[in-house]
Amino acid sequence: MRDEFLLVDPVLIEQFTRATLKGLRFALQQRFGDILSLTRSLKIPEDLAGKGYDSARPALTTDGTMSEASQKKALDMVLKSVGVKEAPPLTDFSTLQSLGK
């Protein structure tokens, strides 16, 4: 289904990808602005948003990809929060990487 969607509406996929990368660049360059955005959208205190930003910042890259170590760490954190003990295999993001070529 996912690959089919990429072929059906490539313009929408391109627009979504561009908007996502713009948001990522904003997050990388504008710590204070991103913290304000997190505070408003998640309705959390500014200090908590700042801690969340600072803990997530090392995993952010300019092209939107995550290292395998960062993927595993994020997945483990989510699984722990929902009580799942065994992690599924990490997803291969080669489809996204091939779009940029």
Protein backbone atom coordinates (compact mmCIF):
# COMPACT_ATOMS: atom_id res chain seq x y z
CA MET A 1 0.00 0.00 0.00
CA ARG A 2 2.74 2.47 0.93
CA ASP A 3 4.69 2.05 -2.34
CA GLU A 4 1.43 2.25 -4.30
CA PHE A 5 0.60 5.59 -2.66
CA LEU A 6 4.01 6.95 -3.65
CA LEU A 7 3.22 6.20 -7.28
CA VAL A 8 -0.40 7.41 -7.22
CA ASP A 9 0.24 10.94 -5.93
CA PRO A 10 3.91 11.89 -6.34
CA VAL A 11 3.14 15.64 -6.15
CA LEU A 12 1.55 15.25 -2.72
CA ILE A 13 4.49 13.13 -1.58
CA GLU A 14 6.94 15.80 -2.77
CA GLN A 15 4.99 18.58 -1.01
CA PHE A 16 4.79 16.55 2.20
CA THR A 17 8.51 15.77 2.07
CA ARG A 18 9.44 19.42 1.46
CA ALA A 19 7.22 20.60 4.34
CA THR A 20 8.65 17.95 6.65
CA LEU A 21 12.22 18.96 5.81
CA LYS A 22 11.38 22.65 6.34
CA GLY A 23 9.99 21.78 9.76
CA LEU A 24 13.07 19.73 10.56
CA ARG A 25 15.40 22.56 9.54
CA PHE A 26 13.38 24.94 11.71
CA ALA A 27 13.71 22.55 14.64
CA LEU A 28 17.47 22.28 14.10
CA GLN A 29 18.05 26.03 13.80
CA GLN A 30 15.46 27.56 16.13
CA ARG A 31 15.57 25.87 19.55
CA PHE A 32 13.44 28.50 21.28
CA GLY A 33 10.84 28.60 18.49
CA ASP A 34 10.60 24.82 18.45
CA ILE A 35 10.17 24.70 22.23
CA LEU A 36 7.33 27.25 21.97
CA SER A 37 5.74 25.15 19.25
CA LEU A 38 6.01 22.00 21.40
CA THR A 39 4.60 23.86 24.41
CA ARG A 40 1.55 25.02 22.46
CA SER A 41 0.83 21.87 20.47
CA LEU A 42 1.39 19.40 23.32
CA LYS A 43 0.07 21.71 26.06
CA ILE A 44 3.08 21.08 28.28
CA PRO A 45 5.23 23.41 30.39
CA GLU A 46 8.14 25.13 28.64
CA ASP A 47 10.76 23.42 30.82
CA LEU A 48 9.41 19.98 29.89
CA ALA A 49 9.35 20.92 26.20
CA GLY A 50 12.96 22.10 26.53
CA LYS A 51 14.05 18.82 28.10
CA GLY A 52 12.26 16.90 25.37
CA TYR A 53 13.88 19.00 22.66
CA ASP A 54 17.33 18.66 24.18
CA SER A 55 17.01 14.89 24.50
CA ALA A 56 15.72 14.48 20.91
CA ARG A 57 18.10 16.99 19.29
CA PRO A 58 21.09 14.64 18.93
CA ALA A 59 18.97 12.27 16.82
CA LEU A 60 17.91 14.98 14.34
CA THR A 61 19.80 15.14 11.05
CA THR A 62 19.58 17.66 8.22
CA ASP A 63 18.23 15.07 5.76
CA GLY A 64 15.64 13.61 8.14
CA THR A 65 17.22 10.18 8.43
CA MET A 66 18.05 8.48 11.71
CA SER A 67 21.00 6.25 12.45
CA GLU A 68 20.19 2.67 13.31
CA ALA A 69 21.28 3.34 16.91
CA SER A 70 18.88 6.31 17.16
CA GLN A 71 16.05 4.26 15.64
CA LYS A 72 16.62 1.47 18.15
CA LYS A 73 16.76 3.88 21.09
CA ALA A 74 13.52 5.62 20.05
CA LEU A 75 11.78 2.30 19.40
CA ASP A 76 12.89 0.88 22.75
CA MET A 77 11.59 3.98 24.55
CA VAL A 78 8.18 3.74 22.88
CA LEU A 79 7.89 -0.01 23.45
CA LYS A 80 8.80 0.40 27.11
CA SER A 81 6.13 3.09 27.55
CA VAL A 82 3.42 0.78 26.17
CA GLY A 83 4.66 -2.35 27.94
CA VAL A 84 5.95 -4.33 24.94
CA LYS A 85 8.99 -6.41 25.82
CA GLU A 86 10.25 -7.61 22.42
CA ALA A 87 11.01 -5.16 19.63
CA PRO A 88 10.17 -5.89 16.00
CA PRO A 89 12.98 -5.54 13.44
CA LEU A 90 13.90 -1.99 12.49
CA THR A 91 12.28 -0.65 9.32
CA ASP A 92 14.40 -0.15 6.23
CA PHE A 93 14.10 3.48 5.12
CA SER A 94 15.69 2.90 1.71
CA THR A 95 12.45 3.92 -0.05
CA LEU A 96 12.65 7.42 1.43
CA GLN A 97 16.34 7.72 0.70
CA SER A 98 15.84 6.73 -2.93
CA LEU A 99 13.27 9.52 -3.43
CA GLY A 100 15.95 12.13 -2.92
CA LYS A 101 18.16 10.73 -5.70
